[in-house]
N, C-alpha and C. Protein backbone atom coordinates (compact mmCIF):
# COMPACT_ATOMS: atom_id res chain seq x y z
N MET A 1 0.71 -0.93 -0.21
CA MET A 1 0.08 -0.07 0.18
C MET A 1 0.72 1.54 0.05
N LYS A 2 2.08 1.05 0.79
CA LYS A 2 2.87 2.17 0.49
C LYS A 2 3.47 2.46 -0.53
N ALA A 3 3.50 1.46 -1.28
CA ALA A 3 3.99 1.63 -2.91
C ALA A 3 3.43 2.61 -3.84
N PHE A 4 1.66 2.39 -3.76
CA PHE A 4 1.02 2.79 -4.44
C PHE A 4 1.08 4.21 -4.16
N ARG A 5 0.80 4.24 -2.56
CA ARG A 5 0.78 5.85 -2.33
C ARG A 5 1.93 6.98 -2.68
N GLY A 6 2.99 6.21 -2.79
CA GLY A 6 4.10 6.40 -3.12
C GLY A 6 4.47 6.78 -4.75
N ALA A 7 3.64 6.24 -5.62
CA ALA A 7 3.52 6.40 -7.25
C ALA A 7 2.18 7.58 -7.18
N ARG A 8 1.56 7.44 -6.65
CA ARG A 8 0.42 8.65 -6.57
C ARG A 8 0.79 9.51 -6.28
N GLY A 9 1.48 10.04 -5.42
CA GLY A 9 1.65 11.28 -4.54
C GLY A 9 2.65 11.43 -5.88
N VAL A 10 3.89 11.16 -6.85
CA VAL A 10 4.52 11.25 -7.51
C VAL A 10 3.66 11.65 -8.51
N PHE A 11 3.01 11.17 -9.27
CA PHE A 11 2.08 11.08 -10.35
C PHE A 11 1.34 12.60 -9.82
N LEU A 12 0.34 12.42 -8.86
CA LEU A 12 -0.22 13.76 -8.46
C LEU A 12 0.53 14.95 -8.54
N SER A 13 1.81 15.25 -8.47
CA SER A 13 2.63 16.27 -8.22
C SER A 13 3.37 16.54 -9.74
N PHE A 14 2.86 16.12 -10.80
CA PHE A 14 3.54 16.56 -12.07
C PHE A 14 1.77 16.98 -12.71
N ILE A 15 0.47 17.00 -12.22
CA ILE A 15 -0.37 17.70 -12.34
C ILE A 15 -0.10 19.32 -12.54
N PRO A 16 0.20 19.83 -11.46
CA PRO A 16 0.19 21.24 -11.69
C PRO A 16 0.80 21.78 -12.25
N LEU A 17 2.29 21.43 -12.61
CA LEU A 17 3.06 22.16 -13.61
C LEU A 17 2.13 22.50 -14.80
N PRO A 18 1.50 21.53 -15.67
CA PRO A 18 0.83 21.78 -16.71
C PRO A 18 -0.44 22.33 -16.54
N ALA A 19 -0.96 22.24 -15.52
CA ALA A 19 -2.23 22.79 -15.39
C ALA A 19 -1.47 24.52 -14.98
N LEU A 20 -0.96 24.60 -14.68
CA LEU A 20 -0.23 25.94 -14.26
C LEU A 20 0.28 26.66 -15.34
N LEU A 21 0.79 25.84 -16.60
CA LEU A 21 1.30 26.70 -17.90
C LEU A 21 0.28 26.61 -18.68
N TRP A 22 -0.99 25.76 -18.52
CA TRP A 22 -1.95 26.28 -19.58
C TRP A 22 -2.95 27.34 -18.98
N MET A 23 -3.08 27.41 -17.74
CA MET A 23 -4.01 28.72 -17.45
C MET A 23 -3.57 29.84 -17.30
N ALA A 24 -1.43 29.77 -17.25
CA ALA A 24 -1.11 30.99 -17.56
C ALA A 24 -0.92 31.18 -18.97
N GLY A 25 -1.67 30.94 -19.93
CA GLY A 25 -2.08 31.18 -21.62
C GLY A 25 -0.41 31.30 -22.11
N CYS A 26 0.72 30.34 -21.78
CA CYS A 26 1.95 30.22 -22.44
C CYS A 26 1.55 30.08 -23.77
N HIS A 27 1.97 31.50 -24.54
CA HIS A 27 1.50 31.56 -25.96
C HIS A 27 2.53 32.39 -26.91
N SER A 28 3.67 31.83 -27.76
CA SER A 28 4.30 32.21 -27.89
C SER A 28 4.25 32.92 -29.57
N TYR A 29 4.28 34.44 -29.73
CA TYR A 29 3.77 35.08 -30.87
C TYR A 29 5.53 35.16 -31.78
N HIS A 30 4.71 34.71 -32.89
CA HIS A 30 5.78 34.91 -33.99
C HIS A 30 5.88 35.04 -35.32
N VAL A 31 6.38 35.92 -35.81
CA VAL A 31 5.98 36.19 -37.34
C VAL A 31 7.32 35.76 -38.11
N GLU A 32 6.28 34.98 -39.04
CA GLU A 32 7.75 34.48 -40.17
C GLU A 32 7.76 35.17 -41.02
N THR A 33 9.39 35.82 -41.09
CA THR A 33 9.38 36.56 -42.37
C THR A 33 10.53 36.14 -43.06
N THR A 34 10.02 36.19 -44.50
CA THR A 34 10.71 36.28 -45.49
C THR A 34 11.38 37.63 -46.47
N VAL A 35 12.68 37.92 -46.62
CA VAL A 35 13.75 38.58 -47.56
C VAL A 35 13.73 38.38 -48.84
N GLU A 36 13.02 38.17 -49.81
CA GLU A 36 13.38 38.31 -51.36
C GLU A 36 14.12 39.18 -52.15
N ASN A 37 15.11 38.67 -52.45
CA ASN A 37 15.91 39.85 -53.29
C ASN A 37 15.72 39.80 -54.54
N ARG A 38 15.04 40.66 -55.30
CA ARG A 38 14.74 40.79 -56.84
C ARG A 38 15.04 42.02 -57.61
N THR A 39 16.50 42.41 -56.85
CA THR A 39 16.62 43.32 -57.46
C THR A 39 17.75 43.17 -58.76
N SER A 40 18.17 42.04 -59.06
CA SER A 40 18.59 41.33 -60.54
C SER A 40 20.59 41.60 -59.99
N GLY A 41 20.50 41.92 -59.17
CA GLY A 41 21.98 41.82 -58.76
C GLY A 41 21.99 41.17 -57.12
N SER A 42 23.34 40.82 -56.53
CA SER A 42 23.19 40.46 -55.06
C SER A 42 23.20 41.79 -54.51
N ILE A 43 23.39 41.58 -53.32
CA ILE A 43 23.14 42.68 -52.34
C ILE A 43 23.88 42.13 -50.84
N GLN A 44 24.37 43.38 -50.51
CA GLN A 44 25.16 42.97 -49.05
C GLN A 44 24.93 43.62 -48.05
N LEU A 45 25.10 43.30 -47.10
CA LEU A 45 25.12 44.18 -45.98
C LEU A 45 23.27 44.18 -45.23
N LEU A 46 22.87 43.17 -45.52
CA LEU A 46 21.17 43.73 -45.06
C LEU A 46 21.11 43.47 -43.78
N GLU A 47 20.12 44.67 -43.16
CA GLU A 47 19.46 44.26 -41.68
C GLU A 47 18.45 44.69 -41.74
N VAL A 48 17.68 44.03 -41.51
CA VAL A 48 16.40 44.14 -41.20
C VAL A 48 15.87 44.35 -39.61
N ASP A 49 15.32 45.87 -38.74
CA ASP A 49 15.04 46.19 -37.87
C ASP A 49 13.60 46.20 -37.77
N TYR A 50 13.45 45.26 -36.32
CA TYR A 50 12.35 45.51 -35.91
C TYR A 50 11.89 45.66 -34.59
N PRO A 51 10.94 45.90 -34.00
CA PRO A 51 10.63 46.46 -32.23
C PRO A 51 11.91 45.30 -31.58
N SER A 52 12.32 46.03 -31.09
CA SER A 52 13.58 45.16 -30.01
C SER A 52 14.43 44.46 -30.49
N ALA A 53 14.60 44.25 -31.78
CA ALA A 53 15.92 43.30 -32.28
C ALA A 53 16.12 43.76 -33.91
N SER A 54 17.00 43.20 -34.31
CA SER A 54 17.24 42.88 -35.75
C SER A 54 17.74 41.78 -36.11
N PHE A 55 17.93 41.15 -37.73
CA PHE A 55 18.66 40.42 -38.18
C PHE A 55 19.32 40.78 -39.25
N GLY A 56 19.50 40.19 -40.17
CA GLY A 56 20.48 40.23 -41.35
C GLY A 56 21.21 39.31 -42.05
N ALA A 57 21.93 39.29 -43.04
CA ALA A 57 22.52 38.72 -43.33
C ALA A 57 23.77 39.39 -44.45
N ASN A 58 25.29 38.84 -44.49
CA ASN A 58 26.47 39.33 -45.17
C ASN A 58 25.82 39.47 -46.57
N LYS A 59 25.26 38.50 -47.24
CA LYS A 59 24.85 38.78 -48.67
C LYS A 59 23.92 37.88 -49.19
N LEU A 60 23.04 38.12 -50.20
CA LEU A 60 22.04 38.00 -50.47
C LEU A 60 21.79 37.94 -52.19
N ALA A 61 22.11 37.32 -52.56
CA ALA A 61 22.39 36.46 -54.01
C ALA A 61 21.34 37.12 -55.04
N ALA A 62 21.11 37.28 -56.13
CA ALA A 62 19.81 37.74 -57.01
C ALA A 62 18.99 36.52 -56.75
N GLY A 63 17.80 36.54 -57.06
CA GLY A 63 16.56 35.55 -56.64
C GLY A 63 16.88 34.62 -55.52
N GLU A 64 17.36 35.20 -54.57
CA GLU A 64 17.86 33.81 -53.05
C GLU A 64 16.73 35.01 -52.00
N SER A 65 16.16 33.97 -51.49
CA SER A 65 15.41 34.19 -50.28
C SER A 65 16.04 34.26 -48.94
N PHE A 66 15.48 35.03 -47.78
CA PHE A 66 15.99 34.49 -46.73
C PHE A 66 15.04 34.60 -45.63
N PRO A 67 14.96 33.46 -45.34
CA PRO A 67 13.86 33.47 -44.29
C PRO A 67 13.99 33.42 -42.63
N TYR A 68 13.47 34.06 -41.87
CA TYR A 68 13.98 34.37 -40.31
C TYR A 68 12.74 34.47 -39.38
N ARG A 69 12.63 33.68 -38.25
CA ARG A 69 11.42 33.86 -37.65
C ARG A 69 11.49 34.83 -36.68
N ILE A 70 10.95 36.10 -36.68
CA ILE A 70 10.92 36.92 -35.24
C ILE A 70 9.99 36.90 -33.82
N GLN A 71 10.33 37.64 -32.85
CA GLN A 71 8.92 37.49 -32.15
C GLN A 71 9.17 38.74 -31.40
N LEU A 72 8.12 39.33 -31.57
CA LEU A 72 7.96 41.20 -31.50
C LEU A 72 7.51 41.38 -30.16
N ARG A 73 8.82 42.27 -29.97
CA ARG A 73 8.45 42.79 -27.95
C ARG A 73 8.23 44.19 -28.28
N GLY A 74 7.40 44.84 -28.34
CA GLY A 74 6.81 46.24 -28.46
C GLY A 74 6.09 46.66 -29.46
N ASN A 75 6.43 47.69 -29.85
CA ASN A 75 5.85 48.29 -30.92
C ASN A 75 6.28 49.43 -31.22
N GLY A 76 6.73 49.24 -33.11
CA GLY A 76 7.44 50.39 -33.51
C GLY A 76 7.99 49.80 -35.32
N SER A 77 8.16 50.16 -35.94
CA SER A 77 8.21 50.16 -37.44
C SER A 77 9.35 49.20 -38.19
N LEU A 78 9.21 48.46 -38.97
CA LEU A 78 9.95 47.26 -39.17
C LEU A 78 10.97 48.54 -40.73
N LYS A 79 12.03 48.19 -40.31
CA LYS A 79 13.75 49.20 -41.20
C LYS A 79 13.88 48.26 -41.84
N VAL A 80 14.04 48.22 -43.15
CA VAL A 80 14.94 47.64 -44.06
C VAL A 80 16.29 48.75 -44.31
N GLN A 81 17.36 47.53 -44.25
CA GLN A 81 18.89 48.55 -44.92
C GLN A 81 19.64 47.33 -45.79
N TYR A 82 20.22 47.86 -46.50
CA TYR A 82 21.51 47.24 -47.48
C TYR A 82 22.17 47.89 -48.53
N THR A 83 23.09 47.32 -48.71
CA THR A 83 24.11 48.07 -50.39
C THR A 83 23.70 47.04 -51.41
N GLY A 84 23.24 47.92 -52.33
CA GLY A 84 23.18 47.28 -53.35
C GLY A 84 24.29 46.81 -54.15
N SER A 85 23.78 45.76 -55.39
CA SER A 85 25.17 45.68 -56.41
C SER A 85 25.69 46.88 -56.97
N ASP A 86 25.55 48.37 -56.67
CA ASP A 86 25.80 49.23 -57.44
C ASP A 86 26.46 50.29 -56.08
N GLY A 87 26.79 49.67 -55.05
CA GLY A 87 27.27 50.41 -54.11
C GLY A 87 26.60 51.07 -53.16
N LYS A 88 25.48 51.72 -53.21
CA LYS A 88 25.01 52.51 -53.08
C LYS A 88 23.27 51.86 -51.73
N GLN A 89 23.68 52.61 -51.06
CA GLN A 89 22.85 52.15 -49.57
C GLN A 89 21.45 52.69 -49.95
N VAL A 90 20.17 51.90 -49.11
CA VAL A 90 19.52 51.91 -49.06
C VAL A 90 18.83 51.84 -47.84
N GLN A 91 17.87 52.69 -47.50
CA GLN A 91 17.13 52.64 -46.34
C GLN A 91 15.76 52.90 -46.66
N VAL A 92 14.85 51.75 -46.30
CA VAL A 92 13.64 52.01 -46.33
C VAL A 92 12.75 51.96 -45.24
N GLU A 93 12.03 52.34 -44.32
CA GLU A 93 10.62 52.41 -43.39
C GLU A 93 9.49 51.50 -43.92
N GLY A 94 9.07 50.52 -43.32
CA GLY A 94 7.75 49.84 -43.30
C GLY A 94 6.67 49.80 -42.32
N PRO A 95 5.70 48.78 -42.51
CA PRO A 95 4.87 49.19 -41.71
C PRO A 95 5.21 48.82 -40.02
N THR A 96 4.13 49.50 -39.49
CA THR A 96 4.64 49.60 -37.94
C THR A 96 4.01 48.15 -37.94
N LEU A 97 4.65 47.37 -36.56
CA LEU A 97 4.09 46.13 -36.15
C LEU A 97 4.20 46.36 -34.44
N ALA A 98 3.37 45.59 -33.98
CA ALA A 98 2.92 45.46 -32.62
C ALA A 98 3.21 43.95 -32.06
N GLU A 99 3.27 44.46 -30.68
CA GLU A 99 3.52 43.16 -29.54
C GLU A 99 2.55 42.55 -29.55
N ARG A 100 2.96 40.91 -29.61
CA ARG A 100 1.79 39.71 -29.99
C ARG A 100 1.20 39.68 -30.80
N GLN A 101 1.39 40.61 -32.30
CA GLN A 101 1.14 40.39 -33.77
C GLN A 101 1.76 38.61 -34.02
N GLU A 102 0.98 38.09 -34.77
CA GLU A 102 1.52 36.82 -35.44
C GLU A 102 0.99 36.59 -36.75
N GLY A 103 1.83 36.07 -37.36
CA GLY A 103 1.66 35.79 -38.96
C GLY A 103 2.81 35.60 -39.86
N ARG A 104 2.70 36.48 -41.08
CA ARG A 104 3.72 36.43 -41.72
C ARG A 104 3.62 37.62 -42.49
N ILE A 105 5.03 37.98 -42.79
CA ILE A 105 5.40 39.13 -43.97
C ILE A 105 6.57 38.77 -44.70
N ALA A 106 6.48 39.30 -46.00
CA ALA A 106 7.02 39.41 -47.34
C ALA A 106 8.02 40.60 -47.30
N ILE A 107 8.81 40.53 -47.58
CA ILE A 107 9.84 41.66 -47.75
C ILE A 107 10.59 41.48 -49.17
N ILE A 108 10.02 42.45 -49.90
CA ILE A 108 10.66 41.87 -51.50
C ILE A 108 11.51 43.15 -51.86
N LEU A 109 12.81 42.96 -51.87
CA LEU A 109 13.91 44.24 -52.63
C LEU A 109 13.23 43.78 -53.86
N LEU A 110 13.54 44.80 -54.10
CA LEU A 110 13.39 45.59 -56.07
C LEU A 110 14.27 46.40 -56.50
N PRO A 111 14.23 46.52 -57.71
CA PRO A 111 15.61 47.95 -58.42
C PRO A 111 14.87 48.82 -57.96
N GLY A 112 16.34 49.61 -57.95
CA GLY A 112 16.13 50.96 -57.49
C GLY A 112 15.89 51.52 -56.23
N GLY A 113 15.98 50.60 -55.86
CA GLY A 113 16.01 51.04 -53.84
C GLY A 113 14.64 50.53 -53.61
N ARG A 114 13.68 50.08 -54.53
CA ARG A 114 12.37 50.01 -53.68
C ARG A 114 12.09 48.54 -53.00
N VAL A 115 11.11 49.04 -52.00
CA VAL A 115 11.15 47.46 -51.29
C VAL A 115 9.25 47.66 -51.17
N GLU A 116 8.50 46.46 -51.33
CA GLU A 116 7.37 46.16 -51.17
C GLU A 116 7.38 45.43 -49.68
N PHE A 117 6.38 45.57 -48.80
CA PHE A 117 6.04 44.71 -47.76
C PHE A 117 5.00 44.00 -47.80
N HIS A 118 4.88 42.96 -47.68
CA HIS A 118 3.33 41.92 -47.24
C HIS A 118 3.16 41.26 -46.59
N PRO A 119 2.53 42.28 -45.36
CA PRO A 119 1.99 41.71 -44.13
C PRO A 119 0.99 40.83 -44.49
N GLN A 120 0.79 39.57 -43.64
CA GLN A 120 -0.57 38.77 -43.45
C GLN A 120 -0.42 38.62 -42.00
N LEU A 121 -0.83 39.54 -40.88
CA LEU A 121 -0.52 39.52 -39.31
C LEU A 121 -2.07 39.47 -39.26
N MET A 122 -1.95 39.41 -37.67
CA MET A 122 -3.11 38.97 -37.24
C MET A 122 -3.61 39.80 -35.89
N PRO A 123 -4.15 41.19 -36.51
CA PRO A 123 -4.11 41.57 -35.17
C PRO A 123 -3.83 41.53 -33.43
N GLN A 124 -3.01 42.19 -33.11
CA GLN A 124 -2.73 42.12 -31.40
C GLN A 124 -4.25 41.84 -30.42
N PRO A 125 -4.01 40.67 -29.79
CA PRO A 125 -5.09 40.34 -28.85
C PRO A 125 -5.58 40.98 -28.13
């Protein structure tokens, strides 16, 4: 009988942790981001800034895509900068993002320093 109580006690001690996590609403909000280089040349020093962090790549060849998963902390604008194949630096400000948004956003780099943003984001809860 003691062995049964010990096993039951151990089993019951694990129940509160998952229940607490479920009740706390642990949900990690992410935005799947993809940068596509359609400039017709390679680019260098790509940097994408978003609220509270940034990511980038040293080089992105023409036609290449760079996927990255971000988690938003705070609110602010999405900003893209890179150096084109002609040596000119491009800086473009994109849409405003908010903490707890999730979904996808495509960033398409086009000739002439133009950038298109295609967000598919859920509004923040």
